[in-house]
Amino acid sequence: MSLTWRHLPKPARAIAEATVAAVEAARARDAEAYPREVARLAALPSEQAGLVLGGVVRALLEEQYPDGLTADDVRALAVRCLRAAAGWFPAVEPDVVVMLVAGALGLHPSAEEGLPLKAADVAGHAPLLVADLLTTSAAPLNAHLTTAFSTLAVIELSDTP
């Protein structure tokens, strides 16, 4: 755990720790540890965990695609992630990976459509996407987690009356 997380409340630290464990299991392609770490992540408050995971994905995307993503970029990213995971995590679903990228970029369904992803889908697929993006990242996961928490703190402060 990063020392920069010590100031975080216990629930936020738990999300950070579970995220790191799930991403590490994904990076190791550990078919035994990954479901256990995903279950740990899925057991945490889903809205908060989803915001953190989305923030990490967004930070990685902004780092690697500073001029934005094209449809071809999203397709290539999804294919790369799916190929990396399919051999050891056969439950990986292409639609979920694409929706995670879209959600991290702020493209959300309308209120009438509802949230297309279940918390278990986010917990099971976001670490795969993060692990894949980290293979070409200049910064470690801890830096992206710190960015995600910092961004969420700024948003929360700006929303406070």
C-alpha atoms as a PDB file:
ATOM      1  CA  MET A   1       0.000   0.000   0.000  1.00  0.00           C
ATOM      2  CA  SER A   2       1.259   3.460  -0.839  1.00  0.00           C
ATOM      3  CA  LEU A   3       2.086   5.812   1.996  1.00  0.00           C
ATOM      4  CA  THR A   4       0.017   8.465   0.241  1.00  0.00           C
ATOM      5  CA  TRP A   5      -3.097   6.433   1.101  1.00  0.00           C
ATOM      6  CA  ARG A   6      -2.548   6.563   4.879  1.00  0.00           C
ATOM      7  CA  HIS A   7      -4.714   9.653   5.166  1.00  0.00           C
ATOM      8  CA  LEU A   8      -7.647   7.960   3.464  1.00  0.00           C
ATOM      9  CA  PRO A   9     -10.585   6.759   5.533  1.00  0.00           C
ATOM     10  CA  LYS A  10     -10.718   3.018   6.146  1.00  0.00           C
ATOM     11  CA  PRO A  11     -13.338   2.328   3.406  1.00  0.00           C
ATOM     12  CA  ALA A  12     -11.215   4.112   0.784  1.00  0.00           C
ATOM     13  CA  ARG A  13      -8.070   2.274   1.909  1.00  0.00           C
ATOM     14  CA  ALA A  14      -9.965  -1.010   1.590  1.00  0.00           C
ATOM     15  CA  ILE A  15     -10.883  -0.139  -2.006  1.00  0.00           C
ATOM     16  CA  ALA A  16      -7.271   0.782  -2.784  1.00  0.00           C
ATOM     17  CA  GLU A  17      -5.939  -2.429  -1.245  1.00  0.00           C
ATOM     18  CA  ALA A  18      -8.512  -4.628  -2.990  1.00  0.00           C
ATOM     19  CA  THR A  19      -7.850  -2.889  -6.306  1.00  0.00           C
ATOM     20  CA  VAL A  20      -4.107  -3.443  -6.001  1.00  0.00           C
ATOM     21  CA  ALA A  21      -4.607  -7.109  -5.094  1.00  0.00           C
ATOM     22  CA  ALA A  22      -7.008  -7.739  -7.997  1.00  0.00           C
ATOM     23  CA  VAL A  23      -4.787  -5.946 -10.515  1.00  0.00           C
ATOM     24  CA  GLU A  24      -1.713  -7.821  -9.279  1.00  0.00           C
ATOM     25  CA  ALA A  25      -3.569 -11.133  -9.674  1.00  0.00           C
ATOM     26  CA  ALA A  26      -4.604 -10.100 -13.194  1.00  0.00           C
ATOM     27  CA  ARG A  27      -1.058  -9.067 -14.098  1.00  0.00           C
ATOM     28  CA  ALA A  28       0.198 -12.431 -12.823  1.00  0.00           C
ATOM     29  CA  ARG A  29      -2.600 -14.193 -14.753  1.00  0.00           C
ATOM     30  CA  ASP A  30      -3.346 -16.066 -11.559  1.00  0.00           C
ATOM     31  CA  ALA A  31      -6.552 -17.989 -12.250  1.00  0.00           C
ATOM     32  CA  GLU A  32      -6.828 -19.048  -8.594  1.00  0.00           C
ATOM     33  CA  ALA A  33      -6.144 -15.717  -6.893  1.00  0.00           C
ATOM     34  CA  TYR A  34      -8.050 -13.516  -9.332  1.00  0.00           C
ATOM     35  CA  PRO A  35     -11.597 -14.708  -8.494  1.00  0.00           C
ATOM     36  CA  ARG A  36     -10.796 -14.411  -4.789  1.00  0.00           C
ATOM     37  CA  GLU A  37      -9.517 -10.839  -5.190  1.00  0.00           C
ATOM     38  CA  VAL A  38     -12.451  -9.920  -7.429  1.00  0.00           C
ATOM     39  CA  ALA A  39     -14.840 -11.216  -4.751  1.00  0.00           C
ATOM     40  CA  ARG A  40     -13.013  -9.086  -2.186  1.00  0.00           C
ATOM     41  CA  LEU A  41     -13.372  -6.032  -4.431  1.00  0.00           C
ATOM     42  CA  ALA A  42     -17.016  -6.817  -5.221  1.00  0.00           C
ATOM     43  CA  ALA A  43     -17.831  -7.021  -1.500  1.00  0.00           C
ATOM     44  CA  LEU A  44     -16.936  -3.346  -1.037  1.00  0.00           C
ATOM     45  CA  PRO A  45     -19.394  -0.478  -1.626  1.00  0.00           C
ATOM     46  CA  SER A  46     -19.955  -0.781  -5.369  1.00  0.00           C
ATOM     47  CA  GLU A  47     -20.546   2.871  -6.176  1.00  0.00           C
ATOM     48  CA  GLN A  48     -17.345   4.014  -4.489  1.00  0.00           C
ATOM     49  CA  ALA A  49     -15.280   1.129  -5.855  1.00  0.00           C
ATOM     50  CA  GLY A  50     -16.641   1.831  -9.330  1.00  0.00           C
ATOM     51  CA  LEU A  51     -15.680   5.491  -9.084  1.00  0.00           C
ATOM     52  CA  VAL A  52     -12.136   4.597  -8.039  1.00  0.00           C
ATOM     53  CA  LEU A  53     -11.741   1.930 -10.723  1.00  0.00           C
ATOM     54  CA  GLY A  54     -13.178   4.291 -13.333  1.00  0.00           C
ATOM     55  CA  GLY A  55     -10.785   6.999 -12.179  1.00  0.00           C
ATOM     56  CA  VAL A  56      -7.806   4.680 -12.529  1.00  0.00           C
ATOM     57  CA  VAL A  57      -8.888   3.610 -16.023  1.00  0.00           C
ATOM     58  CA  ARG A  58      -9.445   7.247 -16.995  1.00  0.00           C
ATOM     59  CA  ALA A  59      -6.001   8.278 -15.690  1.00  0.00           C
ATOM     60  CA  LEU A  60      -4.381   5.479 -17.678  1.00  0.00           C
ATOM     61  CA  LEU A  61      -6.330   6.372 -20.826  1.00  0.00           C
ATOM     62  CA  GLU A  62      -5.444  10.061 -20.503  1.00  0.00           C
ATOM     63  CA  GLU A  63      -1.781   9.163 -20.082  1.00  0.00           C
ATOM     64  CA  GLN A  64      -1.680   6.848 -23.079  1.00  0.00           C
ATOM     65  CA  TYR A  65      -4.072   8.672 -25.383  1.00  0.00           C
ATOM     66  CA  PRO A  66      -3.443  12.375 -24.675  1.00  0.00           C
ATOM     67  CA  ASP A  67      -5.235  13.402 -27.886  1.00  0.00           C
ATOM     68  CA  GLY A  68      -8.261  11.218 -27.119  1.00  0.00           C
ATOM     69  CA  LEU A  69      -9.368   7.814 -28.327  1.00  0.00           C
ATOM     70  CA  THR A  70     -10.826   6.969 -31.696  1.00  0.00           C
ATOM     71  CA  ALA A  71     -13.247   4.109 -32.211  1.00  0.00           C
ATOM     72  CA  ASP A  72     -10.309   2.138 -33.636  1.00  0.00           C
ATOM     73  CA  ASP A  73      -8.301   2.842 -30.469  1.00  0.00           C
ATOM     74  CA  VAL A  74     -11.133   1.552 -28.281  1.00  0.00           C
ATOM     75  CA  ARG A  75     -11.504  -1.537 -30.458  1.00  0.00           C
ATOM     76  CA  ALA A  76      -7.752  -2.256 -30.383  1.00  0.00           C
ATOM     77  CA  LEU A  77      -7.607  -1.716 -26.627  1.00  0.00           C
ATOM     78  CA  ALA A  78     -10.550  -4.049 -26.022  1.00  0.00           C
ATOM     79  CA  VAL A  79      -9.112  -6.743 -28.294  1.00  0.00           C
ATOM     80  CA  ARG A  80      -5.702  -6.518 -26.590  1.00  0.00           C
ATOM     81  CA  CYS A  81      -7.278  -6.758 -23.132  1.00  0.00           C
ATOM     82  CA  LEU A  82      -9.533  -9.648 -24.141  1.00  0.00           C
ATOM     83  CA  ARG A  83      -6.695 -11.609 -25.713  1.00  0.00           C
ATOM     84  CA  ALA A  84      -4.518 -11.103 -22.647  1.00  0.00           C
ATOM     85  CA  ALA A  85      -7.253 -12.364 -20.317  1.00  0.00           C
ATOM     86  CA  ALA A  86      -9.025 -15.042 -22.354  1.00  0.00           C
ATOM     87  CA  GLY A  87      -6.391 -17.728 -21.852  1.00  0.00           C
ATOM     88  CA  TRP A  88      -6.645 -17.725 -18.086  1.00  0.00           C
ATOM     89  CA  PHE A  89      -9.983 -15.949 -17.380  1.00  0.00           C
ATOM     90  CA  PRO A  90     -12.530 -17.377 -19.832  1.00  0.00           C
ATOM     91  CA  ALA A  91     -15.401 -15.410 -18.253  1.00  0.00           C
ATOM     92  CA  VAL A  92     -14.084 -12.148 -19.750  1.00  0.00           C
ATOM     93  CA  GLU A  93     -16.810 -10.390 -21.752  1.00  0.00           C
ATOM     94  CA  PRO A  94     -16.048  -7.984 -24.626  1.00  0.00           C
ATOM     95  CA  ASP A  95     -19.124  -5.795 -24.049  1.00  0.00           C
ATOM     96  CA  VAL A  96     -18.169  -5.223 -20.420  1.00  0.00           C
ATOM     97  CA  VAL A  97     -14.640  -4.130 -21.346  1.00  0.00           C
ATOM     98  CA  VAL A  98     -15.961  -1.671 -23.949  1.00  0.00           C
ATOM     99  CA  MET A  99     -18.553  -0.287 -21.502  1.00  0.00           C
ATOM    100  CA  LEU A 100     -15.845   0.204 -18.871  1.00  0.00           C
ATOM    101  CA  VAL A 101     -13.773   2.243 -21.322  1.00  0.00           C
ATOM    102  CA  ALA A 102     -16.834   4.285 -22.293  1.00  0.00           C
ATOM    103  CA  GLY A 103     -17.784   4.846 -18.661  1.00  0.00           C
ATOM    104  CA  ALA A 104     -14.262   5.954 -17.737  1.00  0.00           C
ATOM    105  CA  LEU A 105     -14.455   8.503 -20.549  1.00  0.00           C
ATOM    106  CA  GLY A 106     -17.723   9.875 -19.193  1.00  0.00           C
ATOM    107  CA  LEU A 107     -19.987   8.275 -21.791  1.00  0.00           C
ATOM    108  CA  HIS A 108     -22.879   7.000 -19.711  1.00  0.00           C
ATOM    109  CA  PRO A 109     -26.283   5.682 -20.713  1.00  0.00           C
ATOM    110  CA  SER A 110     -29.290   7.899 -20.193  1.00  0.00           C
ATOM    111  CA  ALA A 111     -31.171   7.691 -16.911  1.00  0.00           C
ATOM    112  CA  GLU A 112     -33.966   5.779 -18.669  1.00  0.00           C
ATOM    113  CA  GLU A 113     -31.563   3.082 -19.833  1.00  0.00           C
ATOM    114  CA  GLY A 114     -30.101   2.540 -16.382  1.00  0.00           C
ATOM    115  CA  LEU A 115     -26.616   1.337 -15.610  1.00  0.00           C
ATOM    116  CA  PRO A 116     -25.778  -1.471 -18.023  1.00  0.00           C
ATOM    117  CA  LEU A 117     -23.096  -2.972 -15.783  1.00  0.00           C
ATOM    118  CA  LYS A 118     -23.584  -4.845 -12.557  1.00  0.00           C
ATOM    119  CA  ALA A 119     -21.152  -4.277  -9.703  1.00  0.00           C
ATOM    120  CA  ALA A 120     -19.793  -7.798 -10.205  1.00  0.00           C
ATOM    121  CA  ASP A 121     -19.059  -6.999 -13.873  1.00  0.00           C
ATOM    122  CA  VAL A 122     -17.097  -3.905 -12.878  1.00  0.00           C
ATOM    123  CA  ALA A 123     -15.173  -5.738 -10.145  1.00  0.00           C
ATOM    124  CA  GLY A 124     -14.439  -8.655 -12.467  1.00  0.00           C
ATOM    125  CA  HIS A 125     -13.365  -6.724 -15.543  1.00  0.00           C
ATOM    126  CA  ALA A 126     -11.918  -3.365 -14.464  1.00  0.00           C
ATOM    127  CA  PRO A 127      -8.800  -4.975 -12.944  1.00  0.00           C
ATOM    128  CA  LEU A 128      -8.238  -6.805 -16.255  1.00  0.00           C
ATOM    129  CA  LEU A 129      -8.437  -3.523 -18.140  1.00  0.00           C
ATOM    130  CA  VAL A 130      -6.169  -1.756 -15.641  1.00  0.00           C
ATOM    131  CA  ALA A 131      -3.632  -4.594 -15.777  1.00  0.00           C
ATOM    132  CA  ASP A 132      -3.597  -4.408 -19.559  1.00  0.00           C
ATOM    133  CA  LEU A 133      -3.214  -0.620 -19.628  1.00  0.00           C
ATOM    134  CA  LEU A 134      -0.387  -0.821 -17.093  1.00  0.00           C
ATOM    135  CA  THR A 135       1.682  -2.867 -19.555  1.00  0.00           C
ATOM    136  CA  THR A 136       2.239   0.314 -21.572  1.00  0.00           C
ATOM    137  CA  SER A 137       2.061   2.867 -18.768  1.00  0.00           C
ATOM    138  CA  ALA A 138       4.955   5.055 -17.731  1.00  0.00           C
ATOM    139  CA  ALA A 139       3.664   5.153 -14.143  1.00  0.00           C
ATOM    140  CA  PRO A 140       2.864   2.413 -11.613  1.00  0.00           C
ATOM    141  CA  LEU A 141      -0.614   1.534 -10.380  1.00  0.00           C
ATOM    142  CA  ASN A 142      -0.076   3.441  -7.120  1.00  0.00           C
ATOM    143  CA  ALA A 143       0.378   6.690  -9.043  1.00  0.00           C
ATOM    144  CA  HIS A 144      -2.860   6.154 -10.964  1.00  0.00           C
ATOM    145  CA  LEU A 145      -4.739   5.230  -7.789  1.00  0.00           C
ATOM    146  CA  THR A 146      -3.459   8.382  -6.132  1.00  0.00           C
ATOM    147  CA  THR A 147      -4.625  10.403  -9.141  1.00  0.00           C
ATOM    148  CA  ALA A 148      -8.060   8.769  -8.985  1.00  0.00           C
ATOM    149  CA  PHE A 149      -8.476   9.476  -5.272  1.00  0.00           C
ATOM    150  CA  SER A 150      -7.241  13.054  -5.688  1.00  0.00           C
ATOM    151  CA  THR A 151      -9.686  13.681  -8.527  1.00  0.00           C
ATOM    152  CA  LEU A 152     -12.555  12.235  -6.510  1.00  0.00           C
ATOM    153  CA  ALA A 153     -11.603  14.416  -3.527  1.00  0.00           C
ATOM    154  CA  VAL A 154     -11.671  17.542  -5.694  1.00  0.00           C
ATOM    155  CA  ILE A 155     -15.059  16.580  -7.129  1.00  0.00           C
ATOM    156  CA  GLU A 156     -16.437  15.887  -3.670  1.00  0.00           C
ATOM    157  CA  LEU A 157     -15.153  19.215  -2.342  1.00  0.00           C
ATOM    158  CA  SER A 158     -16.615  21.116  -5.279  1.00  0.00           C
ATOM    159  CA  ASP A 159     -19.996  19.425  -4.758  1.00  0.00           C
ATOM    160  CA  THR A 160     -20.065  20.338  -1.066  1.00  0.00           C
ATOM    161  CA  PRO A 161     -22.203  23.431  -0.435  1.00  0.00           C
END
